């Protein structure tokens, strides 16, 4: 069975599908966070559960929609990550929207969980 990205409400874990799956999806998300300097508490690429501040996800979304300087510096590598998981930039932004909007709005952190 393939691994899928899930998000949860901290202290009231109710998982929802986040829009990515498989080890390639897990690797791509970690790589994108790393290349665009999105702070999170994952120990490494294989961390199954970690948190990201909602504001960091919003910052990433803005970076991608504006195609700012940081995006432009990393565009080629970013596109390779997205190609690996057969996803367009617009679909990845949809994933971010899901994480931002459908996770626990009472918590400033979004729980990222892979299982």
PDB file of N, CA and C in Angstrom:
ATOM      1  N   UNK A   1       0.848  -1.184   0.000  1.00  0.00           N
ATOM      2  CA  UNK A   1       0.000   0.000   0.000  1.00  0.00           C
ATOM      3  C   UNK A   1       0.886   1.238   0.000  1.00  0.00           C
ATOM      4  N   UNK A   2       0.500   2.208  -0.737  1.00  0.00           N
ATOM      5  CA  UNK A   2       1.250   3.442  -0.880  1.00  0.00           C
ATOM      6  C   UNK A   2       0.997   4.370   0.304  1.00  0.00           C
ATOM      7  N   UNK A   3       2.033   5.119   0.691  1.00  0.00           N
ATOM      8  CA  UNK A   3       1.911   6.098   1.766  1.00  0.00           C
ATOM      9  C   UNK A   3       1.247   7.351   1.216  1.00  0.00           C
ATOM     10  N   UNK A   4       0.457   8.029   2.024  1.00  0.00           N
ATOM     11  CA  UNK A   4      -0.241   9.237   1.603  1.00  0.00           C
ATOM     12  C   UNK A   4       0.007  10.340   2.615  1.00  0.00           C
ATOM     13  N   UNK A   5       0.024  11.569   2.150  1.00  0.00           N
ATOM     14  CA  UNK A   5       0.121  12.736   3.019  1.00  0.00           C
ATOM     15  C   UNK A   5      -1.214  12.954   3.690  1.00  0.00           C
ATOM     16  N   UNK A   6      -1.195  13.154   5.007  1.00  0.00           N
ATOM     17  CA  UNK A   6      -2.394  13.463   5.772  1.00  0.00           C
ATOM     18  C   UNK A   6      -2.089  14.654   6.669  1.00  0.00           C
ATOM     19  N   UNK A   7      -3.083  15.342   7.085  1.00  0.00           N
ATOM     20  CA  UNK A   7      -2.923  16.396   8.073  1.00  0.00           C
ATOM     21  C   UNK A   7      -3.831  16.055   9.242  1.00  0.00           C
ATOM     22  N   UNK A   8      -3.523  16.583  10.405  1.00  0.00           N
ATOM     23  CA  UNK A   8      -4.337  16.281  11.572  1.00  0.00           C
ATOM     24  C   UNK A   8      -4.520  17.495  12.448  1.00  0.00           C
ATOM     25  N   UNK A   9      -5.558  17.473  13.236  1.00  0.00           N
ATOM     26  CA  UNK A   9      -5.802  18.515  14.215  1.00  0.00           C
ATOM     27  C   UNK A   9      -5.083  18.122  15.495  1.00  0.00           C
ATOM     28  N   UNK A  10      -4.145  18.952  15.914  1.00  0.00           N
ATOM     29  CA  UNK A  10      -3.370  18.659  17.100  1.00  0.00           C
ATOM     30  C   UNK A  10      -4.301  18.533  18.299  1.00  0.00           C
ATOM     31  N   UNK A  11      -4.045  17.527  19.106  1.00  0.00           N
ATOM     32  CA  UNK A  11      -4.814  17.204  20.303  1.00  0.00           C
ATOM     33  C   UNK A  11      -6.213  16.667  19.993  1.00  0.00           C
ATOM     34  N   UNK A  12      -6.651  16.701  18.762  1.00  0.00           N
ATOM     35  CA  UNK A  12      -7.907  16.112  18.317  1.00  0.00           C
ATOM     36  C   UNK A  12      -7.628  15.536  16.940  1.00  0.00           C
ATOM     37  N   UNK A  13      -6.852  14.516  16.883  1.00  0.00           N
ATOM     38  CA  UNK A  13      -6.407  14.033  15.587  1.00  0.00           C
ATOM     39  C   UNK A  13      -7.580  13.491  14.782  1.00  0.00           C
ATOM     40  N   UNK A  14      -7.868  14.192  13.708  1.00  0.00           N
ATOM     41  CA  UNK A  14      -8.866  13.794  12.717  1.00  0.00           C
ATOM     42  C   UNK A  14      -8.157  13.937  11.382  1.00  0.00           C
ATOM     43  N   UNK A  15      -7.746  12.818  10.820  1.00  0.00           N
ATOM     44  CA  UNK A  15      -6.957  12.873   9.600  1.00  0.00           C
ATOM     45  C   UNK A  15      -7.807  13.174   8.386  1.00  0.00           C
ATOM     46  N   UNK A  16      -7.212  13.909   7.463  1.00  0.00           N
ATOM     47  CA  UNK A  16      -7.820  14.196   6.176  1.00  0.00           C
ATOM     48  C   UNK A  16      -6.751  14.062   5.112  1.00  0.00           C
ATOM     49  N   UNK A  17      -7.132  13.657   3.942  1.00  0.00           N
ATOM     50  CA  UNK A  17      -6.176  13.467   2.853  1.00  0.00           C
ATOM     51  C   UNK A  17      -5.679  14.820   2.363  1.00  0.00           C
ATOM     52  N   UNK A  18      -4.373  14.981   2.313  1.00  0.00           N
ATOM     53  CA  UNK A  18      -3.758  16.255   1.955  1.00  0.00           C
ATOM     54  C   UNK A  18      -3.447  16.456   0.489  1.00  0.00           C
ATOM     55  N   UNK A  19      -3.580  15.433  -0.335  1.00  0.00           N
ATOM     56  CA  UNK A  19      -3.386  15.621  -1.771  1.00  0.00           C
ATOM     57  C   UNK A  19      -2.108  15.056  -2.347  1.00  0.00           C
ATOM     58  N   UNK A  20      -1.254  14.476  -1.525  1.00  0.00           N
ATOM     59  CA  UNK A  20      -0.025  13.835  -1.997  1.00  0.00           C
ATOM     60  C   UNK A  20       0.008  12.402  -1.485  1.00  0.00           C
ATOM     61  N   UNK A  21       0.719  11.534  -2.196  1.00  0.00           N
ATOM     62  CA  UNK A  21       0.830  10.157  -1.729  1.00  0.00           C
ATOM     63  C   UNK A  21       2.167   9.567  -2.165  1.00  0.00           C
ATOM     64  N   UNK A  22       2.509   8.456  -1.557  1.00  0.00           N
ATOM     65  CA  UNK A  22       3.715   7.721  -1.904  1.00  0.00           C
ATOM     66  C   UNK A  22       4.976   8.334  -1.334  1.00  0.00           C
ATOM     67  N   UNK A  23       6.028   7.536  -1.375  1.00  0.00           N
ATOM     68  CA  UNK A  23       7.311   8.031  -0.875  1.00  0.00           C
ATOM     69  C   UNK A  23       7.832   9.171  -1.745  1.00  0.00           C
ATOM     70  N   UNK A  24       7.490   9.161  -3.040  1.00  0.00           N
ATOM     71  CA  UNK A  24       7.894  10.276  -3.899  1.00  0.00           C
ATOM     72  C   UNK A  24       7.218  11.571  -3.457  1.00  0.00           C
ATOM     73  N   UNK A  25       5.952  11.497  -3.060  1.00  0.00           N
ATOM     74  CA  UNK A  25       5.243  12.675  -2.560  1.00  0.00           C
ATOM     75  C   UNK A  25       5.857  13.189  -1.269  1.00  0.00           C
ATOM     76  N   UNK A  26       6.184  12.264  -0.381  1.00  0.00           N
ATOM     77  CA  UNK A  26       6.814  12.633   0.890  1.00  0.00           C
ATOM     78  C   UNK A  26       8.160  13.299   0.634  1.00  0.00           C
ATOM     79  N   UNK A  27       8.956  12.706  -0.250  1.00  0.00           N
ATOM     80  CA  UNK A  27      10.271  13.270  -0.582  1.00  0.00           C
ATOM     81  C   UNK A  27      10.135  14.646  -1.219  1.00  0.00           C
ATOM     82  N   UNK A  28       9.199  14.786  -2.153  1.00  0.00           N
ATOM     83  CA  UNK A  28       9.026  16.052  -2.868  1.00  0.00           C
ATOM     84  C   UNK A  28       8.623  17.175  -1.915  1.00  0.00           C
ATOM     85  N   UNK A  29       7.687  16.898  -1.010  1.00  0.00           N
ATOM     86  CA  UNK A  29       7.253  17.927  -0.070  1.00  0.00           C
ATOM     87  C   UNK A  29       8.416  18.373   0.810  1.00  0.00           C
ATOM     88  N   UNK A  30       9.173  17.418   1.328  1.00  0.00           N
ATOM     89  CA  UNK A  30      10.334  17.744   2.155  1.00  0.00           C
ATOM     90  C   UNK A  30      11.349  18.565   1.353  1.00  0.00           C
ATOM     91  N   UNK A  31      11.615  18.129   0.119  1.00  0.00           N
ATOM     92  CA  UNK A  31      12.589  18.837  -0.723  1.00  0.00           C
ATOM     93  C   UNK A  31      12.143  20.264  -1.030  1.00  0.00           C
ATOM     94  N   UNK A  32      10.858  20.444  -1.291  1.00  0.00           N
ATOM     95  CA  UNK A  32      10.341  21.782  -1.580  1.00  0.00           C
ATOM     96  C   UNK A  32      10.445  22.670  -0.346  1.00  0.00           C
ATOM     97  N   UNK A  33      10.068  22.120   0.807  1.00  0.00           N
ATOM     98  CA  UNK A  33      10.227  22.883   2.049  1.00  0.00           C
ATOM     99  C   UNK A  33      11.690  23.288   2.239  1.00  0.00           C
ATOM    100  N   UNK A  34      12.593  22.364   1.998  1.00  0.00           N
ATOM    101  CA  UNK A  34      14.027  22.631   2.201  1.00  0.00           C
ATOM    102  C   UNK A  34      14.545  23.683   1.227  1.00  0.00           C
ATOM    103  N   UNK A  35      14.266  23.502  -0.064  1.00  0.00           N
ATOM    104  CA  UNK A  35      14.826  24.410  -1.069  1.00  0.00           C
ATOM    105  C   UNK A  35      14.283  25.826  -0.937  1.00  0.00           C
ATOM    106  N   UNK A  36      13.041  25.964  -0.466  1.00  0.00           N
ATOM    107  CA  UNK A  36      12.435  27.283  -0.337  1.00  0.00           C
ATOM    108  C   UNK A  36      12.447  27.787   1.108  1.00  0.00           C
ATOM    109  N   UNK A  37      13.206  27.075   1.947  1.00  0.00           N
ATOM    110  CA  UNK A  37      13.453  27.473   3.341  1.00  0.00           C
ATOM    111  C   UNK A  37      12.173  27.672   4.140  1.00  0.00           C
ATOM    112  N   UNK A  38      11.302  26.670   4.054  1.00  0.00           N
ATOM    113  CA  UNK A  38      10.070  26.668   4.832  1.00  0.00           C
ATOM    114  C   UNK A  38      10.359  25.929   6.137  1.00  0.00           C
ATOM    115  N   UNK A  39      10.285  26.655   7.233  1.00  0.00           N
ATOM    116  CA  UNK A  39      10.620  26.079   8.539  1.00  0.00           C
ATOM    117  C   UNK A  39       9.614  25.011   8.944  1.00  0.00           C
ATOM    118  N   UNK A  40      10.138  23.915   9.457  1.00  0.00           N
ATOM    119  CA  UNK A  40       9.327  22.829   9.988  1.00  0.00           C
ATOM    120  C   UNK A  40      10.193  22.058  10.969  1.00  0.00           C
ATOM    121  N   UNK A  41       9.602  21.129  11.696  1.00  0.00           N
ATOM    122  CA  UNK A  41      10.382  20.401  12.689  1.00  0.00           C
ATOM    123  C   UNK A  41      10.669  18.947  12.275  1.00  0.00           C
ATOM    124  N   UNK A  42      10.649  18.665  10.978  1.00  0.00           N
ATOM    125  CA  UNK A  42      11.021  17.329  10.503  1.00  0.00           C
ATOM    126  C   UNK A  42      12.510  17.121  10.723  1.00  0.00           C
ATOM    127  N   UNK A  43      12.868  15.954  11.247  1.00  0.00           N
ATOM    128  CA  UNK A  43      14.277  15.663  11.480  1.00  0.00           C
ATOM    129  C   UNK A  43      15.006  15.385  10.179  1.00  0.00           C
ATOM    130  N   UNK A  44      14.325  14.734   9.239  1.00  0.00           N
ATOM    131  CA  UNK A  44      14.913  14.430   7.946  1.00  0.00           C
ATOM    132  C   UNK A  44      13.808  14.083   6.960  1.00  0.00           C
ATOM    133  N   UNK A  45      14.199  13.682   5.773  1.00  0.00           N
ATOM    134  CA  UNK A  45      13.247  13.412   4.700  1.00  0.00           C
ATOM    135  C   UNK A  45      12.294  12.262   5.034  1.00  0.00           C
ATOM    136  N   UNK A  46      12.685  11.397   5.970  1.00  0.00           N
ATOM    137  CA  UNK A  46      11.877  10.221   6.304  1.00  0.00           C
ATOM    138  C   UNK A  46      11.014  10.402   7.542  1.00  0.00           C
ATOM    139  N   UNK A  47      10.933  11.615   8.074  1.00  0.00           N
ATOM    140  CA  UNK A  47      10.108  11.884   9.248  1.00  0.00           C
ATOM    141  C   UNK A  47       8.640  11.736   8.862  1.00  0.00           C
ATOM    142  N   UNK A  48       7.921  10.894   9.598  1.00  0.00           N
ATOM    143  CA  UNK A  48       6.518  10.617   9.273  1.00  0.00           C
ATOM    144  C   UNK A  48       5.545  11.651   9.829  1.00  0.00           C
ATOM    145  N   UNK A  49       5.869  12.260  10.953  1.00  0.00           N
ATOM    146  CA  UNK A  49       4.984  13.237  11.586  1.00  0.00           C
ATOM    147  C   UNK A  49       5.800  14.463  11.982  1.00  0.00           C
ATOM    148  N   UNK A  50       5.369  15.613  11.515  1.00  0.00           N
ATOM    149  CA  UNK A  50       6.035  16.859  11.877  1.00  0.00           C
ATOM    150  C   UNK A  50       5.065  18.015  11.720  1.00  0.00           C
ATOM    151  N   UNK A  51       5.475  19.177  12.205  1.00  0.00           N
ATOM    152  CA  UNK A  51       4.607  20.344  12.159  1.00  0.00           C
ATOM    153  C   UNK A  51       5.237  21.468  11.344  1.00  0.00           C
ATOM    154  N   UNK A  52       4.370  22.236  10.719  1.00  0.00           N
ATOM    155  CA  UNK A  52       4.765  23.414   9.961  1.00  0.00           C
ATOM    156  C   UNK A  52       3.823  24.541  10.386  1.00  0.00           C
ATOM    157  N   UNK A  53       4.373  25.709  10.636  1.00  0.00           N
ATOM    158  CA  UNK A  53       3.491  26.827  10.975  1.00  0.00           C
ATOM    159  C   UNK A  53       2.601  27.156   9.779  1.00  0.00           C
ATOM    160  N   UNK A  54       1.342  27.407  10.055  1.00  0.00           N
ATOM    161  CA  UNK A  54       0.399  27.775   9.001  1.00  0.00           C
ATOM    162  C   UNK A  54       0.929  28.987   8.214  1.00  0.00           C
ATOM    163  N   UNK A  55       1.544  29.937   8.919  1.00  0.00           N
ATOM    164  CA  UNK A  55       2.078  31.129   8.256  1.00  0.00           C
ATOM    165  C   UNK A  55       3.201  30.773   7.287  1.00  0.00           C
ATOM    166  N   UNK A  56       3.963  29.744   7.592  1.00  0.00           N
ATOM    167  CA  UNK A  56       5.019  29.291   6.671  1.00  0.00           C
ATOM    168  C   UNK A  56       4.401  28.706   5.405  1.00  0.00           C
ATOM    169  N   UNK A  57       3.306  27.962   5.554  1.00  0.00           N
ATOM    170  CA  UNK A  57       2.615  27.420   4.377  1.00  0.00           C
ATOM    171  C   UNK A  57       2.024  28.547   3.543  1.00  0.00           C
ATOM    172  N   UNK A  58       1.495  29.563   4.205  1.00  0.00           N
ATOM    173  CA  UNK A  58       0.958  30.723   3.485  1.00  0.00           C
ATOM    174  C   UNK A  58       2.071  31.472   2.759  1.00  0.00           C
ATOM    175  N   UNK A  59       3.216  31.563   3.402  1.00  0.00           N
ATOM    176  CA  UNK A  59       4.370  32.232   2.788  1.00  0.00           C
ATOM    177  C   UNK A  59       4.823  31.459   1.546  1.00  0.00           C
ATOM    178  N   UNK A  60       4.850  30.130   1.652  1.00  0.00           N
ATOM    179  CA  UNK A  60       5.210  29.294   0.509  1.00  0.00           C
ATOM    180  C   UNK A  60       4.211  29.487  -0.622  1.00  0.00           C
ATOM    181  N   UNK A  61       2.940  29.481  -0.290  1.00  0.00           N
ATOM    182  CA  UNK A  61       1.906  29.663  -1.318  1.00  0.00           C
ATOM    183  C   UNK A  61       2.091  30.997  -2.035  1.00  0.00           C
ATOM    184  N   UNK A  62       2.339  32.045  -1.266  1.00  0.00           N
ATOM    185  CA  UNK A  62       2.537  33.374  -1.845  1.00  0.00           C
ATOM    186  C   UNK A  62       3.770  33.392  -2.748  1.00  0.00           C
ATOM    187  N   UNK A  63       4.835  32.753  -2.291  1.00  0.00           N
ATOM    188  CA  UNK A  63       6.074  32.660  -3.061  1.00  0.00           C
ATOM    189  C   UNK A  63       5.816  32.018  -4.425  1.00  0.00           C
ATOM    190  N   UNK A  64       5.012  30.953  -4.421  1.00  0.00           N
ATOM    191  CA  UNK A  64       4.733  30.216  -5.653  1.00  0.00           C
ATOM    192  C   UNK A  64       3.781  30.968  -6.572  1.00  0.00           C
ATOM    193  N   UNK A  65       2.784  31.623  -6.009  1.00  0.00           N
ATOM    194  CA  UNK A  65       1.827  32.343  -6.853  1.00  0.00           C
ATOM    195  C   UNK A  65       2.442  33.620  -7.431  1.00  0.00           C
ATOM    196  N   UNK A  66       3.293  34.284  -6.647  1.00  0.00           N
ATOM    197  CA  UNK A  66       3.951  35.510  -7.121  1.00  0.00           C
ATOM    198  C   UNK A  66       5.169  35.212  -7.996  1.00  0.00           C
ATOM    199  N   UNK A  67       5.643  33.970  -7.918  1.00  0.00           N
ATOM    200  CA  UNK A  67       6.883  33.575  -8.615  1.00  0.00           C
ATOM    201  C   UNK A  67       7.981  34.583  -8.295  1.00  0.00           C
ATOM    202  N   UNK A  68       8.169  34.776  -6.989  1.00  0.00           N
ATOM    203  CA  UNK A  68       9.120  35.767  -6.507  1.00  0.00           C
ATOM    204  C   UNK A  68      10.574  35.344  -6.772  1.00  0.00           C
ATOM    205  N   UNK A  69      11.494  36.125  -6.252  1.00  0.00           N
ATOM    206  CA  UNK A  69      12.922  35.890  -6.494  1.00  0.00           C
ATOM    207  C   UNK A  69      13.361  34.512  -6.008  1.00  0.00           C
ATOM    208  N   UNK A  70      12.914  34.119  -4.821  1.00  0.00           N
ATOM    209  CA  UNK A  70      13.276  32.800  -4.270  1.00  0.00           C
ATOM    210  C   UNK A  70      12.754  31.687  -5.178  1.00  0.00           C
ATOM    211  N   UNK A  71      11.530  31.843  -5.667  1.00  0.00           N
ATOM    212  CA  UNK A  71      10.955  30.886  -6.608  1.00  0.00           C
ATOM    213  C   UNK A  71      11.824  30.804  -7.858  1.00  0.00           C
ATOM    214  N   UNK A  72      12.160  31.947  -8.415  1.00  0.00           N
ATOM    215  CA  UNK A  72      12.934  31.983  -9.646  1.00  0.00           C
ATOM    216  C   UNK A  72      14.304  31.336  -9.482  1.00  0.00           C
ATOM    217  N   UNK A  73      14.924  31.540  -8.315  1.00  0.00           N
ATOM    218  CA  UNK A  73      16.226  30.924  -8.038  1.00  0.00           C
ATOM    219  C   UNK A  73      16.138  29.402  -8.022  1.00  0.00           C
ATOM    220  N   UNK A  74      14.991  28.873  -7.651  1.00  0.00           N
ATOM    221  CA  UNK A  74      14.813  27.430  -7.469  1.00  0.00           C
ATOM    222  C   UNK A  74      13.836  26.800  -8.456  1.00  0.00           C
ATOM    223  N   UNK A  75      13.412  27.554  -9.455  1.00  0.00           N
ATOM    224  CA  UNK A  75      12.356  27.085 -10.350  1.00  0.00           C
ATOM    225  C   UNK A  75      12.683  25.746 -11.014  1.00  0.00           C
ATOM    226  N   UNK A  76      13.883  25.594 -11.517  1.00  0.00           N
ATOM    227  CA  UNK A  76      14.235  24.353 -12.215  1.00  0.00           C
ATOM    228  C   UNK A  76      14.155  23.149 -11.276  1.00  0.00           C
ATOM    229  N   UNK A  77      14.726  23.274 -10.091  1.00  0.00           N
ATOM    230  CA  UNK A  77      14.697  22.178  -9.119  1.00  0.00           C
ATOM    231  C   UNK A  77      13.264  21.906  -8.642  1.00  0.00           C
ATOM    232  N   UNK A  78      12.496  22.967  -8.431  1.00  0.00           N
ATOM    233  CA  UNK A  78      11.105  22.826  -8.017  1.00  0.00           C
ATOM    234  C   UNK A  78      10.302  22.067  -9.067  1.00  0.00           C
ATOM    235  N   UNK A  79      10.475  22.431 -10.317  1.00  0.00           N
ATOM    236  CA  UNK A  79       9.742  21.763 -11.398  1.00  0.00           C
ATOM    237  C   UNK A  79      10.132  20.287 -11.497  1.00  0.00           C
ATOM    238  N   UNK A  80      11.387  19.964 -11.226  1.00  0.00           N
ATOM    239  CA  UNK A  80      11.815  18.560 -11.214  1.00  0.00           C
ATOM    240  C   UNK A  80      11.102  17.790 -10.107  1.00  0.00           C
ATOM    241  N   UNK A  81      10.964  18.415  -8.937  1.00  0.00           N
ATOM    242  CA  UNK A  81      10.243  17.780  -7.828  1.00  0.00           C
ATOM    243  C   UNK A  81       8.794  17.519  -8.216  1.00  0.00           C
ATOM    244  N   UNK A  82       8.169  18.502  -8.828  1.00  0.00           N
ATOM    245  CA  UNK A  82       6.767  18.363  -9.204  1.00  0.00           C
ATOM    246  C   UNK A  82       6.592  17.348 -10.337  1.00  0.00           C
ATOM    247  N   UNK A  83       7.520  17.314 -11.271  1.00  0.00           N
ATOM    248  CA  UNK A  83       7.459  16.329 -12.360  1.00  0.00           C
ATOM    249  C   UNK A  83       7.566  14.916 -11.802  1.00  0.00           C
ATOM    250  N   UNK A  84       8.428  14.752 -10.804  1.00  0.00           N
ATOM    251  CA  UNK A  84       8.624  13.435 -10.184  1.00  0.00           C
ATOM    252  C   UNK A  84       7.318  12.887  -9.618  1.00  0.00           C
ATOM    253  N   UNK A  85       6.459  13.763  -9.136  1.00  0.00           N
ATOM    254  CA  UNK A  85       5.183  13.327  -8.555  1.00  0.00           C
ATOM    255  C   UNK A  85       4.014  13.599  -9.508  1.00  0.00           C
ATOM    256  N   UNK A  86       4.351  13.929 -10.742  1.00  0.00           N
ATOM    257  CA  UNK A  86       3.356  14.160 -11.788  1.00  0.00           C
ATOM    258  C   UNK A  86       2.299  15.175 -11.361  1.00  0.00           C
ATOM    259  N   UNK A  87       2.795  16.335 -10.919  1.00  0.00           N
ATOM    260  CA  UNK A  87       1.907  17.373 -10.420  1.00  0.00           C
ATOM    261  C   UNK A  87       2.298  18.712 -11.026  1.00  0.00           C
ATOM    262  N   UNK A  88       1.304  19.488 -11.382  1.00  0.00           N
ATOM    263  CA  UNK A  88       1.558  20.847 -11.866  1.00  0.00           C
ATOM    264  C   UNK A  88       1.737  21.779 -10.675  1.00  0.00           C
ATOM    265  N   UNK A  89       2.260  22.952 -10.947  1.00  0.00           N
ATOM    266  CA  UNK A  89       2.393  23.956  -9.898  1.00  0.00           C
ATOM    267  C   UNK A  89       1.025  24.316  -9.334  1.00  0.00           C
ATOM    268  N   UNK A  90       0.025  24.461 -10.196  1.00  0.00           N
ATOM    269  CA  UNK A  90      -1.329  24.802  -9.726  1.00  0.00           C
ATOM    270  C   UNK A  90      -1.896  23.722  -8.806  1.00  0.00           C
ATOM    271  N   UNK A  91      -1.665  22.465  -9.137  1.00  0.00           N
ATOM    272  CA  UNK A  91      -2.154  21.366  -8.285  1.00  0.00           C
ATOM    273  C   UNK A  91      -1.417  21.367  -6.950  1.00  0.00           C
ATOM    274  N   UNK A  92      -0.116  21.694  -6.957  1.00  0.00           N
ATOM    275  CA  UNK A  92       0.629  21.757  -5.702  1.00  0.00           C
ATOM    276  C   UNK A  92       0.105  22.905  -4.842  1.00  0.00           C
ATOM    277  N   UNK A  93      -0.236  24.010  -5.458  1.00  0.00           N
ATOM    278  CA  UNK A  93      -0.830  25.119  -4.713  1.00  0.00           C
ATOM    279  C   UNK A  93      -2.164  24.683  -4.107  1.00  0.00           C
ATOM    280  N   UNK A  94      -2.916  23.843  -4.822  1.00  0.00           N
ATOM    281  CA  UNK A  94      -4.149  23.279  -4.263  1.00  0.00           C
ATOM    282  C   UNK A  94      -3.854  22.441  -3.016  1.00  0.00           C
ATOM    283  N   UNK A  95      -2.760  21.683  -3.047  1.00  0.00           N
ATOM    284  CA  UNK A  95      -2.350  20.896  -1.873  1.00  0.00           C
ATOM    285  C   UNK A  95      -2.089  21.836  -0.700  1.00  0.00           C
ATOM    286  N   UNK A  96      -1.359  22.916  -0.955  1.00  0.00           N
ATOM    287  CA  UNK A  96      -1.090  23.894   0.104  1.00  0.00           C
ATOM    288  C   UNK A  96      -2.382  24.495   0.633  1.00  0.00           C
ATOM    289  N   UNK A  97      -3.310  24.807  -0.262  1.00  0.00           N
ATOM    290  CA  UNK A  97      -4.608  25.349   0.169  1.00  0.00           C
ATOM    291  C   UNK A  97      -5.328  24.372   1.088  1.00  0.00           C
ATOM    292  N   UNK A  98      -5.274  23.098   0.761  1.00  0.00           N
ATOM    293  CA  UNK A  98      -5.890  22.072   1.606  1.00  0.00           C
ATOM    294  C   UNK A  98      -5.250  22.064   2.986  1.00  0.00           C
ATOM    295  N   UNK A  99      -3.916  22.065   3.019  1.00  0.00           N
ATOM    296  CA  UNK A  99      -3.217  22.046   4.307  1.00  0.00           C
ATOM    297  C   UNK A  99      -3.526  23.297   5.123  1.00  0.00           C
ATOM    298  N   UNK A 100      -3.550  24.435   4.461  1.00  0.00           N
ATOM    299  CA  UNK A 100      -3.794  25.705   5.146  1.00  0.00           C
ATOM    300  C   UNK A 100      -5.232  25.809   5.649  1.00  0.00           C
ATOM    301  N   UNK A 101      -6.177  25.453   4.807  1.00  0.00           N
ATOM    302  CA  UNK A 101      -7.588  25.737   5.095  1.00  0.00           C
ATOM    303  C   UNK A 101      -8.368  24.610   5.755  1.00  0.00           C
ATOM    304  N   UNK A 102      -7.947  23.378   5.579  1.00  0.00           N
ATOM    305  CA  UNK A 102      -8.721  22.268   6.123  1.00  0.00           C
ATOM    306  C   UNK A 102      -8.127  21.659   7.387  1.00  0.00           C
ATOM    307  N   UNK A 103      -6.964  22.134   7.785  1.00  0.00           N
ATOM    308  CA  UNK A 103      -6.393  21.672   9.050  1.00  0.00           C
ATOM    309  C   UNK A 103      -6.990  22.500  10.188  1.00  0.00           C
ATOM    310  N   UNK A 104      -6.659  22.154  11.407  1.00  0.00           N
ATOM    311  CA  UNK A 104      -7.221  22.789  12.598  1.00  0.00           C
ATOM    312  C   UNK A 104      -6.932  24.287  12.634  1.00  0.00           C
ATOM    313  N   UNK A 105      -7.933  25.092  12.420  1.00  0.00           N
ATOM    314  CA  UNK A 105      -7.775  26.549  12.380  1.00  0.00           C
ATOM    315  C   UNK A 105      -7.532  27.160  13.757  1.00  0.00           C
ATOM    316  N   UNK A 106      -7.715  26.381  14.796  1.00  0.00           N
ATOM    317  CA  UNK A 106      -7.473  26.874  16.149  1.00  0.00           C
ATOM    318  C   UNK A 106      -6.019  26.702  16.567  1.00  0.00           C
ATOM    319  N   UNK A 107      -5.222  26.119  15.696  1.00  0.00           N
ATOM    320  CA  UNK A 107      -3.818  25.871  15.992  1.00  0.00           C
ATOM    321  C   UNK A 107      -2.971  26.540  14.925  1.00  0.00           C
ATOM    322  N   UNK A 108      -1.914  27.222  15.348  1.00  0.00           N
ATOM    323  CA  UNK A 108      -1.055  27.911  14.387  1.00  0.00           C
ATOM    324  C   UNK A 108      -0.143  26.951  13.623  1.00  0.00           C
ATOM    325  N   UNK A 109      -0.094  25.703  14.066  1.00  0.00           N
ATOM    326  CA  UNK A 109       0.733  24.697  13.403  1.00  0.00           C
ATOM    327  C   UNK A 109      -0.154  23.699  12.654  1.00  0.00           C
ATOM    328  N   UNK A 110       0.352  23.238  11.518  1.00  0.00           N
ATOM    329  CA  UNK A 110      -0.321  22.206  10.742  1.00  0.00           C
ATOM    330  C   UNK A 110       0.469  20.916  10.947  1.00  0.00           C
ATOM    331  N   UNK A 111      -0.240  19.884  11.390  1.00  0.00           N
ATOM    332  CA  UNK A 111       0.374  18.584  11.588  1.00  0.00           C
ATOM    333  C   UNK A 111       0.427  17.860  10.247  1.00  0.00           C
ATOM    334  N   UNK A 112       1.638  17.518   9.818  1.00  0.00           N
ATOM    335  CA  UNK A 112       1.850  16.755   8.592  1.00  0.00           C
ATOM    336  C   UNK A 112       2.108  15.317   9.013  1.00  0.00           C
ATOM    337  N   UNK A 113       1.370  14.396   8.463  1.00  0.00           N
ATOM    338  CA  UNK A 113       1.506  12.983   8.848  1.00  0.00           C
ATOM    339  C   UNK A 113       1.483  12.113   7.597  1.00  0.00           C
ATOM    340  N   UNK A 114       2.417  11.178   7.538  1.00  0.00           N
ATOM    341  CA  UNK A 114       2.503  10.223   6.432  1.00  0.00           C
ATOM    342  C   UNK A 114       2.314   8.824   6.998  1.00  0.00           C
ATOM    343  N   UNK A 115       1.348   8.100   6.498  1.00  0.00           N
ATOM    344  CA  UNK A 115       1.159   6.695   6.898  1.00  0.00           C
ATOM    345  C   UNK A 115       0.467   5.938   5.807  1.00  0.00           C
TER     346      UNK A 115
END
